Amino acid sequence: QHQGYEVKTVGDSFMVAFPSSRLALQWAVAVQLGLLTVEWPPELHNLADASRGELGGKLLWNGLRVRVGIHVGNPIMDADPITRRMDYFGRVVNTTARLCHLAQ
């Protein structure tokens, strides 16, 4: 639906490439909205990082949360020598990683 390509995982992070910034943003919004509708176990909400958050009666977050950083640019692309899958490098990737780290 959003035409994302999972480039790789690093720890608990995913790098996903999209053919356009519009599709990347649509995917990010879909992920966040999807997490709002999950029926998480009640015990999960007792954890500070998995609580429910409301403002003015509107649900803002529910259960597990994810940070998403989006950046636009032309990365350096090359096939990974082991997996043979396309990998991305360079300034665009580094900037995006920093954005993800800063997201709260």
Protein backbone atom coordinates (compact mmCIF):
# COMPACT_ATOMS: atom_id res chain seq x y z
CA GLN A 1 0.00 0.00 0.00
CA HIS A 2 2.75 2.48 0.88
CA GLN A 3 5.45 0.86 -1.28
CA GLY A 4 8.02 0.82 1.52
CA TYR A 5 11.18 -1.25 1.27
CA GLU A 6 12.67 -2.52 4.52
CA VAL A 7 16.35 -1.82 4.00
CA LYS A 8 17.65 -3.21 7.29
CA THR A 9 17.21 -3.38 11.03
CA VAL A 10 19.70 -2.06 13.56
CA GLY A 11 18.88 -3.06 17.13
CA ASP A 12 15.19 -2.29 17.53
CA SER A 13 15.20 0.21 14.66
CA PHE A 14 14.06 -0.28 11.08
CA MET A 15 15.26 1.60 8.03
CA VAL A 16 12.51 1.76 5.43
CA ALA A 17 12.84 3.50 2.06
CA PHE A 18 9.90 4.88 0.09
CA PRO A 19 9.63 6.14 -3.48
CA SER A 20 8.25 9.49 -2.27
CA SER A 21 8.04 11.59 0.87
CA ARG A 22 4.22 11.53 0.58
CA LEU A 23 4.17 7.73 0.83
CA ALA A 24 6.63 7.78 3.74
CA LEU A 25 4.44 10.25 5.64
CA GLN A 26 1.27 8.26 4.88
CA TRP A 27 2.98 5.13 6.22
CA ALA A 28 4.15 6.92 9.39
CA VAL A 29 0.64 8.22 10.09
CA ALA A 30 -0.89 4.79 9.41
CA VAL A 31 1.52 3.16 11.88
CA GLN A 32 0.75 5.70 14.61
CA LEU A 33 -3.02 5.48 14.07
CA GLY A 34 -2.82 1.69 13.98
CA LEU A 35 -1.11 1.62 17.38
CA LEU A 36 -3.97 3.68 18.83
CA THR A 37 -6.48 0.95 17.98
CA VAL A 38 -4.58 -2.06 19.37
CA GLU A 39 -6.21 -3.67 22.40
CA TRP A 40 -3.10 -3.96 24.56
CA PRO A 41 -3.09 -6.15 27.69
CA PRO A 42 -4.17 -4.05 30.71
CA GLU A 43 -0.86 -4.80 32.46
CA LEU A 44 1.00 -3.01 29.68
CA HIS A 45 -0.65 0.30 30.54
CA ASN A 46 0.93 0.13 34.01
CA LEU A 47 4.34 0.72 32.40
CA ALA A 48 5.29 4.38 32.02
CA ASP A 49 6.38 3.96 28.39
CA ALA A 50 3.17 2.13 27.46
CA SER A 51 0.52 4.16 29.23
CA ARG A 52 -2.49 5.83 27.65
CA GLY A 53 -2.32 9.54 26.95
CA GLU A 54 -5.33 11.79 26.50
CA LEU A 55 -5.85 15.50 26.04
CA GLY A 56 -9.29 17.04 26.20
CA GLY A 57 -10.87 13.58 26.07
CA LYS A 58 -9.02 12.70 22.86
CA LEU A 59 -6.71 9.67 22.85
CA LEU A 60 -3.18 10.76 21.85
CA TRP A 61 -1.29 7.51 22.50
CA ASN A 62 -2.13 4.03 23.63
CA GLY A 63 0.28 1.30 24.67
CA LEU A 64 3.51 0.82 22.77
CA ARG A 65 4.82 3.84 20.90
CA VAL A 66 7.28 4.23 18.06
CA ARG A 67 9.42 7.13 16.89
CA VAL A 68 9.52 7.86 13.18
CA GLY A 69 12.04 10.12 11.49
CA ILE A 70 11.56 11.11 7.85
CA HIS A 71 14.12 12.81 5.67
CA VAL A 72 14.19 13.42 1.93
CA GLY A 73 17.22 13.11 -0.29
CA ASN A 74 19.26 10.93 -2.59
CA PRO A 75 21.34 8.43 -0.62
CA ILE A 76 24.29 6.40 -1.80
CA MET A 77 22.93 2.97 -2.77
CA ASP A 78 24.79 -0.30 -3.10
CA ALA A 79 23.96 -3.98 -2.73
CA ASP A 80 24.98 -5.54 0.57
CA PRO A 81 27.73 -8.09 -0.22
CA ILE A 82 26.21 -10.72 2.08
CA THR A 83 22.44 -10.32 1.70
CA ARG A 84 22.54 -8.95 -1.86
CA ARG A 85 19.75 -6.58 -0.81
CA MET A 86 19.97 -2.88 -1.62
CA ASP A 87 21.48 -0.82 1.20
CA TYR A 88 21.57 2.94 1.68
CA PHE A 89 24.40 5.13 3.01
CA GLY A 90 25.57 8.72 3.26
CA ARG A 91 24.48 12.07 4.61
CA VAL A 92 20.75 11.49 4.01
CA VAL A 93 20.81 8.26 6.04
CA ASN A 94 22.87 9.85 8.84
CA THR A 95 20.51 12.84 9.08
CA THR A 96 17.49 10.55 9.23
CA ALA A 97 19.09 8.48 12.00
CA ARG A 98 19.69 11.65 14.03
CA LEU A 99 16.06 12.73 13.51
CA CYS A 100 14.84 9.36 14.77
CA HIS A 101 17.05 9.64 17.83
CA LEU A 102 15.71 13.12 18.63
CA ALA A 103 12.02 12.21 18.19
CA GLN A 104 10.16 12.09 21.49
